[in-house]
Amino acid sequence: MKATAKDLRFHSKELLGTVKRGEEVVITFRGRPCAKLVPYKEKDEEPIQNQLFGIWKDSDMVRDVDEYVRGLRKGRG
């Protein structure tokens, strides 16, 4: 479904009802799409904990992130 920014301003309750039923609403401003209202979904999967990224991703120095960070912070205090 498409709606204008003016529709969003004056008919937000109806648009939220549409989204609640599972439909996506594209909001247009001056005839161009600028936002999308989509139904909110809870994450079912377990969050990935302590995953390294970037230059640390393939580093052999760090096997366990928690242990590594504790070692770095040990000297503080």
PDB file of N, CA and C in Angstrom:
ATOM      1  N   MET A   1       0.845  -1.165   0.000  1.00  0.00           N
ATOM      2  CA  MET A   1       0.000   0.000   0.000  1.00  0.00           C
ATOM      3  C   MET A   1       0.896   1.236   0.000  1.00  0.00           C
ATOM      4  N   LYS A   2       0.429   2.284  -0.633  1.00  0.00           N
ATOM      5  CA  LYS A   2       1.139   3.558  -0.636  1.00  0.00           C
ATOM      6  C   LYS A   2       0.305   4.599   0.102  1.00  0.00           C
ATOM      7  N   ALA A   3       1.001   5.488   0.778  1.00  0.00           N
ATOM      8  CA  ALA A   3       0.343   6.590   1.471  1.00  0.00           C
ATOM      9  C   ALA A   3       1.253   7.804   1.378  1.00  0.00           C
ATOM     10  N   THR A   4       0.670   8.966   1.441  1.00  0.00           N
ATOM     11  CA  THR A   4       1.462  10.194   1.381  1.00  0.00           C
ATOM     12  C   THR A   4       1.858  10.626   2.787  1.00  0.00           C
ATOM     13  N   ALA A   5       2.793  11.559   2.859  1.00  0.00           N
ATOM     14  CA  ALA A   5       3.197  12.109   4.147  1.00  0.00           C
ATOM     15  C   ALA A   5       2.000  12.763   4.840  1.00  0.00           C
ATOM     16  N   LYS A   6       1.111  13.364   4.060  1.00  0.00           N
ATOM     17  CA  LYS A   6      -0.092  13.974   4.615  1.00  0.00           C
ATOM     18  C   LYS A   6      -1.003  12.897   5.213  1.00  0.00           C
ATOM     19  N   ASP A   7      -1.121  11.745   4.526  1.00  0.00           N
ATOM     20  CA  ASP A   7      -1.905  10.635   5.071  1.00  0.00           C
ATOM     21  C   ASP A   7      -1.318  10.156   6.402  1.00  0.00           C
ATOM     22  N   LEU A   8      -0.016  10.094   6.460  1.00  0.00           N
ATOM     23  CA  LEU A   8       0.649   9.676   7.687  1.00  0.00           C
ATOM     24  C   LEU A   8       0.328  10.637   8.821  1.00  0.00           C
ATOM     25  N   ARG A   9       0.328  11.907   8.503  1.00  0.00           N
ATOM     26  CA  ARG A   9       0.059  12.924   9.521  1.00  0.00           C
ATOM     27  C   ARG A   9      -1.374  12.861  10.038  1.00  0.00           C
ATOM     28  N   PHE A  10      -2.326  12.713   9.132  1.00  0.00           N
ATOM     29  CA  PHE A  10      -3.732  12.790   9.521  1.00  0.00           C
ATOM     30  C   PHE A  10      -4.422  11.441   9.730  1.00  0.00           C
ATOM     31  N   HIS A  11      -3.826  10.351   9.248  1.00  0.00           N
ATOM     32  CA  HIS A  11      -4.467   9.034   9.336  1.00  0.00           C
ATOM     33  C   HIS A  11      -3.489   7.983   9.862  1.00  0.00           C
ATOM     34  N   SER A  12      -2.649   8.375  10.798  1.00  0.00           N
ATOM     35  CA  SER A  12      -1.621   7.458  11.295  1.00  0.00           C
ATOM     36  C   SER A  12      -2.226   6.219  11.966  1.00  0.00           C
ATOM     37  N   LYS A  13      -3.320   6.369  12.676  1.00  0.00           N
ATOM     38  CA  LYS A  13      -3.946   5.230  13.345  1.00  0.00           C
ATOM     39  C   LYS A  13      -4.391   4.175  12.328  1.00  0.00           C
ATOM     40  N   GLU A  14      -4.997   4.603  11.246  1.00  0.00           N
ATOM     41  CA  GLU A  14      -5.446   3.670  10.216  1.00  0.00           C
ATOM     42  C   GLU A  14      -4.253   2.989   9.537  1.00  0.00           C
ATOM     43  N   LEU A  15      -3.188   3.756   9.304  1.00  0.00           N
ATOM     44  CA  LEU A  15      -2.005   3.183   8.675  1.00  0.00           C
ATOM     45  C   LEU A  15      -1.337   2.168   9.601  1.00  0.00           C
ATOM     46  N   LEU A  16      -1.289   2.467  10.898  1.00  0.00           N
ATOM     47  CA  LEU A  16      -0.740   1.501  11.845  1.00  0.00           C
ATOM     48  C   LEU A  16      -1.600   0.244  11.923  1.00  0.00           C
ATOM     49  N   GLY A  17      -2.888   0.389  11.782  1.00  0.00           N
ATOM     50  CA  GLY A  17      -3.776  -0.775  11.725  1.00  0.00           C
ATOM     51  C   GLY A  17      -3.479  -1.636  10.515  1.00  0.00           C
ATOM     52  N   THR A  18      -3.193  -1.002   9.391  1.00  0.00           N
ATOM     53  CA  THR A  18      -2.830  -1.730   8.174  1.00  0.00           C
ATOM     54  C   THR A  18      -1.539  -2.507   8.390  1.00  0.00           C
ATOM     55  N   VAL A  19      -0.577  -1.868   9.011  1.00  0.00           N
ATOM     56  CA  VAL A  19       0.709  -2.526   9.283  1.00  0.00           C
ATOM     57  C   VAL A  19       0.509  -3.665  10.271  1.00  0.00           C
ATOM     58  N   LYS A  20      -0.334  -3.469  11.256  1.00  0.00           N
ATOM     59  CA  LYS A  20      -0.595  -4.500  12.262  1.00  0.00           C
ATOM     60  C   LYS A  20      -1.183  -5.752  11.621  1.00  0.00           C
ATOM     61  N   ARG A  21      -1.927  -5.580  10.545  1.00  0.00           N
ATOM     62  CA  ARG A  21      -2.496  -6.721   9.832  1.00  0.00           C
ATOM     63  C   ARG A  21      -1.457  -7.429   8.955  1.00  0.00           C
ATOM     64  N   GLY A  22      -0.242  -6.895   8.908  1.00  0.00           N
ATOM     65  CA  GLY A  22       0.826  -7.563   8.174  1.00  0.00           C
ATOM     66  C   GLY A  22       1.204  -6.935   6.853  1.00  0.00           C
ATOM     67  N   GLU A  23       0.551  -5.865   6.480  1.00  0.00           N
ATOM     68  CA  GLU A  23       0.837  -5.223   5.204  1.00  0.00           C
ATOM     69  C   GLU A  23       1.910  -4.149   5.370  1.00  0.00           C
ATOM     70  N   GLU A  24       2.729  -3.969   4.350  1.00  0.00           N
ATOM     71  CA  GLU A  24       3.730  -2.906   4.356  1.00  0.00           C
ATOM     72  C   GLU A  24       3.132  -1.652   3.731  1.00  0.00           C
ATOM     73  N   VAL A  25       3.499  -0.493   4.270  1.00  0.00           N
ATOM     74  CA  VAL A  25       3.005   0.782   3.759  1.00  0.00           C
ATOM     75  C   VAL A  25       4.210   1.632   3.353  1.00  0.00           C
ATOM     76  N   VAL A  26       4.236   2.039   2.086  1.00  0.00           N
ATOM     77  CA  VAL A  26       5.295   2.917   1.586  1.00  0.00           C
ATOM     78  C   VAL A  26       4.794   4.348   1.695  1.00  0.00           C
ATOM     79  N   ILE A  27       5.569   5.179   2.391  1.00  0.00           N
ATOM     80  CA  ILE A  27       5.200   6.582   2.569  1.00  0.00           C
ATOM     81  C   ILE A  27       5.912   7.391   1.489  1.00  0.00           C
ATOM     82  N   THR A  28       5.138   8.188   0.759  1.00  0.00           N
ATOM     83  CA  THR A  28       5.721   9.028  -0.287  1.00  0.00           C
ATOM     84  C   THR A  28       5.700  10.487   0.148  1.00  0.00           C
ATOM     85  N   PHE A  29       6.695  11.217  -0.329  1.00  0.00           N
ATOM     86  CA  PHE A  29       6.767  12.651  -0.087  1.00  0.00           C
ATOM     87  C   PHE A  29       7.049  13.303  -1.423  1.00  0.00           C
ATOM     88  N   ARG A  30       6.130  14.162  -1.849  1.00  0.00           N
ATOM     89  CA  ARG A  30       6.205  14.802  -3.158  1.00  0.00           C
ATOM     90  C   ARG A  30       6.318  13.783  -4.284  1.00  0.00           C
ATOM     91  N   GLY A  31       5.578  12.693  -4.129  1.00  0.00           N
ATOM     92  CA  GLY A  31       5.492  11.688  -5.179  1.00  0.00           C
ATOM     93  C   GLY A  31       6.608  10.659  -5.195  1.00  0.00           C
ATOM     94  N   ARG A  32       7.560  10.782  -4.300  1.00  0.00           N
ATOM     95  CA  ARG A  32       8.687   9.837  -4.266  1.00  0.00           C
ATOM     96  C   ARG A  32       8.686   9.055  -2.957  1.00  0.00           C
ATOM     97  N   PRO A  33       8.944   7.753  -3.031  1.00  0.00           N
ATOM     98  CA  PRO A  33       9.011   6.962  -1.795  1.00  0.00           C
ATOM     99  C   PRO A  33      10.124   7.461  -0.886  1.00  0.00           C
ATOM    100  N   CYS A  34       9.825   7.606   0.407  1.00  0.00           N
ATOM    101  CA  CYS A  34      10.859   8.079   1.332  1.00  0.00           C
ATOM    102  C   CYS A  34      10.924   7.243   2.611  1.00  0.00           C
ATOM    103  N   ALA A  35       9.911   6.422   2.890  1.00  0.00           N
ATOM    104  CA  ALA A  35       9.933   5.595   4.096  1.00  0.00           C
ATOM    105  C   ALA A  35       9.010   4.404   3.904  1.00  0.00           C
ATOM    106  N   LYS A  36       9.204   3.404   4.767  1.00  0.00           N
ATOM    107  CA  LYS A  36       8.359   2.218   4.703  1.00  0.00           C
ATOM    108  C   LYS A  36       7.978   1.818   6.119  1.00  0.00           C
ATOM    109  N   LEU A  37       6.693   1.590   6.334  1.00  0.00           N
ATOM    110  CA  LEU A  37       6.211   1.064   7.606  1.00  0.00           C
ATOM    111  C   LEU A  37       6.049  -0.435   7.438  1.00  0.00           C
ATOM    112  N   VAL A  38       6.710  -1.190   8.286  1.00  0.00           N
ATOM    113  CA  VAL A  38       6.638  -2.654   8.212  1.00  0.00           C
ATOM    114  C   VAL A  38       6.285  -3.197   9.587  1.00  0.00           C
ATOM    115  N   PRO A  39       5.656  -4.363   9.646  1.00  0.00           N
ATOM    116  CA  PRO A  39       5.332  -4.947  10.946  1.00  0.00           C
ATOM    117  C   PRO A  39       6.594  -5.250  11.742  1.00  0.00           C
ATOM    118  N   TYR A  40       6.548  -5.018  13.045  1.00  0.00           N
ATOM    119  CA  TYR A  40       7.664  -5.290  13.930  1.00  0.00           C
ATOM    120  C   TYR A  40       7.662  -6.766  14.277  1.00  0.00           C
ATOM    121  N   LYS A  41       8.838  -7.389  14.167  1.00  0.00           N
ATOM    122  CA  LYS A  41       8.965  -8.805  14.495  1.00  0.00           C
ATOM    123  C   LYS A  41      10.028  -8.962  15.570  1.00  0.00           C
ATOM    124  N   GLU A  42       9.711  -9.759  16.572  1.00  0.00           N
ATOM    125  CA  GLU A  42      10.689 -10.080  17.610  1.00  0.00           C
ATOM    126  C   GLU A  42      11.720 -11.021  17.011  1.00  0.00           C
ATOM    127  N   LYS A  43      12.953 -10.885  17.451  1.00  0.00           N
ATOM    128  CA  LYS A  43      14.000 -11.776  16.970  1.00  0.00           C
ATOM    129  C   LYS A  43      13.839 -13.126  17.652  1.00  0.00           C
ATOM    130  N   ASP A  44      13.745 -14.174  16.850  1.00  0.00           N
ATOM    131  CA  ASP A  44      13.593 -15.521  17.376  1.00  0.00           C
ATOM    132  C   ASP A  44      14.938 -16.184  17.637  1.00  0.00           C
ATOM    133  N   GLU A  45      15.940 -15.744  16.933  1.00  0.00           N
ATOM    134  CA  GLU A  45      17.237 -16.400  17.035  1.00  0.00           C
ATOM    135  C   GLU A  45      18.055 -15.853  18.194  1.00  0.00           C
ATOM    136  N   GLU A  46      18.977 -16.660  18.659  1.00  0.00           N
ATOM    137  CA  GLU A  46      19.884 -16.241  19.722  1.00  0.00           C
ATOM    138  C   GLU A  46      20.857 -15.208  19.172  1.00  0.00           C
ATOM    139  N   PRO A  47      21.146 -14.165  19.930  1.00  0.00           N
ATOM    140  CA  PRO A  47      22.111 -13.183  19.445  1.00  0.00           C
ATOM    141  C   PRO A  47      23.516 -13.794  19.387  1.00  0.00           C
ATOM    142  N   ILE A  48      24.263 -13.379  18.392  1.00  0.00           N
ATOM    143  CA  ILE A  48      25.634 -13.847  18.261  1.00  0.00           C
ATOM    144  C   ILE A  48      26.461 -13.095  19.287  1.00  0.00           C
ATOM    145  N   GLN A  49      27.097 -13.832  20.170  1.00  0.00           N
ATOM    146  CA  GLN A  49      27.855 -13.199  21.231  1.00  0.00           C
ATOM    147  C   GLN A  49      29.339 -13.254  20.923  1.00  0.00           C
ATOM    148  N   ASN A  50      29.991 -12.150  21.184  1.00  0.00           N
ATOM    149  CA  ASN A  50      31.439 -12.074  21.120  1.00  0.00           C
ATOM    150  C   ASN A  50      32.020 -12.430  19.756  1.00  0.00           C
ATOM    151  N   GLN A  51      31.355 -12.054  18.703  1.00  0.00           N
ATOM    152  CA  GLN A  51      31.888 -12.325  17.381  1.00  0.00           C
ATOM    153  C   GLN A  51      32.799 -11.181  16.971  1.00  0.00           C
ATOM    154  N   LEU A  52      33.995 -11.528  16.547  1.00  0.00           N
ATOM    155  CA  LEU A  52      34.946 -10.523  16.104  1.00  0.00           C
ATOM    156  C   LEU A  52      34.667 -10.142  14.660  1.00  0.00           C
ATOM    157  N   PHE A  53      35.099  -8.961  14.282  1.00  0.00           N
ATOM    158  CA  PHE A  53      34.895  -8.498  12.922  1.00  0.00           C
ATOM    159  C   PHE A  53      36.072  -7.637  12.514  1.00  0.00           C
ATOM    160  N   GLY A  54      36.092  -7.268  11.265  1.00  0.00           N
ATOM    161  CA  GLY A  54      37.147  -6.390  10.758  1.00  0.00           C
ATOM    162  C   GLY A  54      38.509  -7.056  10.811  1.00  0.00           C
ATOM    163  N   ILE A  55      39.523  -6.304  11.211  1.00  0.00           N
ATOM    164  CA  ILE A  55      40.884  -6.838  11.206  1.00  0.00           C
ATOM    165  C   ILE A  55      41.081  -7.912  12.270  1.00  0.00           C
ATOM    166  N   TRP A  56      40.195  -7.984  13.264  1.00  0.00           N
ATOM    167  CA  TRP A  56      40.329  -8.981  14.325  1.00  0.00           C
ATOM    168  C   TRP A  56      39.683 -10.313  13.956  1.00  0.00           C
ATOM    169  N   LYS A  57      38.924 -10.347  12.880  1.00  0.00           N
ATOM    170  CA  LYS A  57      38.152 -11.534  12.525  1.00  0.00           C
ATOM    171  C   LYS A  57      39.022 -12.777  12.388  1.00  0.00           C
ATOM    172  N   ASP A  58      40.144 -12.662  11.705  1.00  0.00           N
ATOM    173  CA  ASP A  58      41.000 -13.816  11.449  1.00  0.00           C
ATOM    174  C   ASP A  58      42.246 -13.832  12.326  1.00  0.00           C
ATOM    175  N   SER A  59      42.250 -13.094  13.399  1.00  0.00           N
ATOM    176  CA  SER A  59      43.421 -12.990  14.262  1.00  0.00           C
ATOM    177  C   SER A  59      43.573 -14.233  15.131  1.00  0.00           C
ATOM    178  N   ASP A  60      44.790 -14.787  15.174  1.00  0.00           N
ATOM    179  CA  ASP A  60      45.077 -15.931  16.033  1.00  0.00           C
ATOM    180  C   ASP A  60      45.312 -15.498  17.476  1.00  0.00           C
ATOM    181  N   MET A  61      45.573 -14.204  17.697  1.00  0.00           N
ATOM    182  CA  MET A  61      45.829 -13.693  19.046  1.00  0.00           C
ATOM    183  C   MET A  61      44.582 -13.768  19.923  1.00  0.00           C
ATOM    184  N   VAL A  62      43.431 -13.653  19.306  1.00  0.00           N
ATOM    185  CA  VAL A  62      42.186 -13.572  20.064  1.00  0.00           C
ATOM    186  C   VAL A  62      41.309 -14.769  19.731  1.00  0.00           C
ATOM    187  N   ARG A  63      41.128 -15.634  20.702  1.00  0.00           N
ATOM    188  CA  ARG A  63      40.238 -16.785  20.499  1.00  0.00           C
ATOM    189  C   ARG A  63      38.923 -16.566  21.254  1.00  0.00           C
ATOM    190  N   ASP A  64      39.005 -15.965  22.443  1.00  0.00           N
ATOM    191  CA  ASP A  64      37.825 -15.664  23.241  1.00  0.00           C
ATOM    192  C   ASP A  64      37.822 -14.166  23.543  1.00  0.00           C
ATOM    193  N   VAL A  65      36.820 -13.479  23.069  1.00  0.00           N
ATOM    194  CA  VAL A  65      36.766 -12.021  23.191  1.00  0.00           C
ATOM    195  C   VAL A  65      36.729 -11.588  24.654  1.00  0.00           C
ATOM    196  N   ASP A  66      35.877 -12.233  25.465  1.00  0.00           N
ATOM    197  CA  ASP A  66      35.771 -11.851  26.874  1.00  0.00           C
ATOM    198  C   ASP A  66      37.116 -11.980  27.583  1.00  0.00           C
ATOM    199  N   GLU A  67      37.789 -13.079  27.358  1.00  0.00           N
ATOM    200  CA  GLU A  67      39.087 -13.304  27.997  1.00  0.00           C
ATOM    201  C   GLU A  67      40.112 -12.271  27.535  1.00  0.00           C
ATOM    202  N   TYR A  68      40.110 -11.962  26.271  1.00  0.00           N
ATOM    203  CA  TYR A  68      41.049 -10.992  25.719  1.00  0.00           C
ATOM    204  C   TYR A  68      40.824  -9.600  26.326  1.00  0.00           C
ATOM    205  N   VAL A  69      39.562  -9.180  26.393  1.00  0.00           N
ATOM    206  CA  VAL A  69      39.240  -7.855  26.931  1.00  0.00           C
ATOM    207  C   VAL A  69      39.573  -7.794  28.425  1.00  0.00           C
ATOM    208  N   ARG A  70      39.269  -8.861  29.161  1.00  0.00           N
ATOM    209  CA  ARG A  70      39.630  -8.895  30.584  1.00  0.00           C
ATOM    210  C   ARG A  70      41.134  -8.742  30.763  1.00  0.00           C
ATOM    211  N   GLY A  71      41.913  -9.389  29.889  1.00  0.00           N
ATOM    212  CA  GLY A  71      43.364  -9.276  29.955  1.00  0.00           C
ATOM    213  C   GLY A  71      43.826  -7.846  29.697  1.00  0.00           C
ATOM    214  N   LEU A  72      43.169  -7.161  28.757  1.00  0.00           N
ATOM    215  CA  LEU A  72      43.526  -5.776  28.461  1.00  0.00           C
ATOM    216  C   LEU A  72      43.206  -4.867  29.642  1.00  0.00           C
ATOM    217  N   ARG A  73      42.100  -5.125  30.311  1.00  0.00           N
ATOM    218  CA  ARG A  73      41.635  -4.267  31.397  1.00  0.00           C
ATOM    219  C   ARG A  73      42.288  -4.618  32.732  1.00  0.00           C
ATOM    220  N   LYS A  74      42.954  -5.737  32.811  1.00  0.00           N
ATOM    221  CA  LYS A  74      43.537  -6.195  34.072  1.00  0.00           C
ATOM    222  C   LYS A  74      44.481  -5.162  34.683  1.00  0.00           C
ATOM    223  N   GLY A  75      45.264  -4.495  33.849  1.00  0.00           N
ATOM    224  CA  GLY A  75      46.223  -3.530  34.326  1.00  0.00           C
ATOM    225  C   GLY A  75      45.594  -2.252  34.864  1.00  0.00           C
ATOM    226  N   ARG A  76      44.342  -2.027  34.551  1.00  0.00           N
ATOM    227  CA  ARG A  76      43.662  -0.821  35.037  1.00  0.00           C
ATOM    228  C   ARG A  76      43.258  -1.014  36.487  1.00  0.00           C
ATOM    229  N   GLY A  77      43.148   0.049  37.170  1.00  0.00           N
ATOM    230  CA  GLY A  77      42.585  -0.127  38.488  1.00  0.00           C
ATOM    231  C   GLY A  77      43.140   0.751  39.470  1.00  0.00           C
TER     232      GLY A  77
END
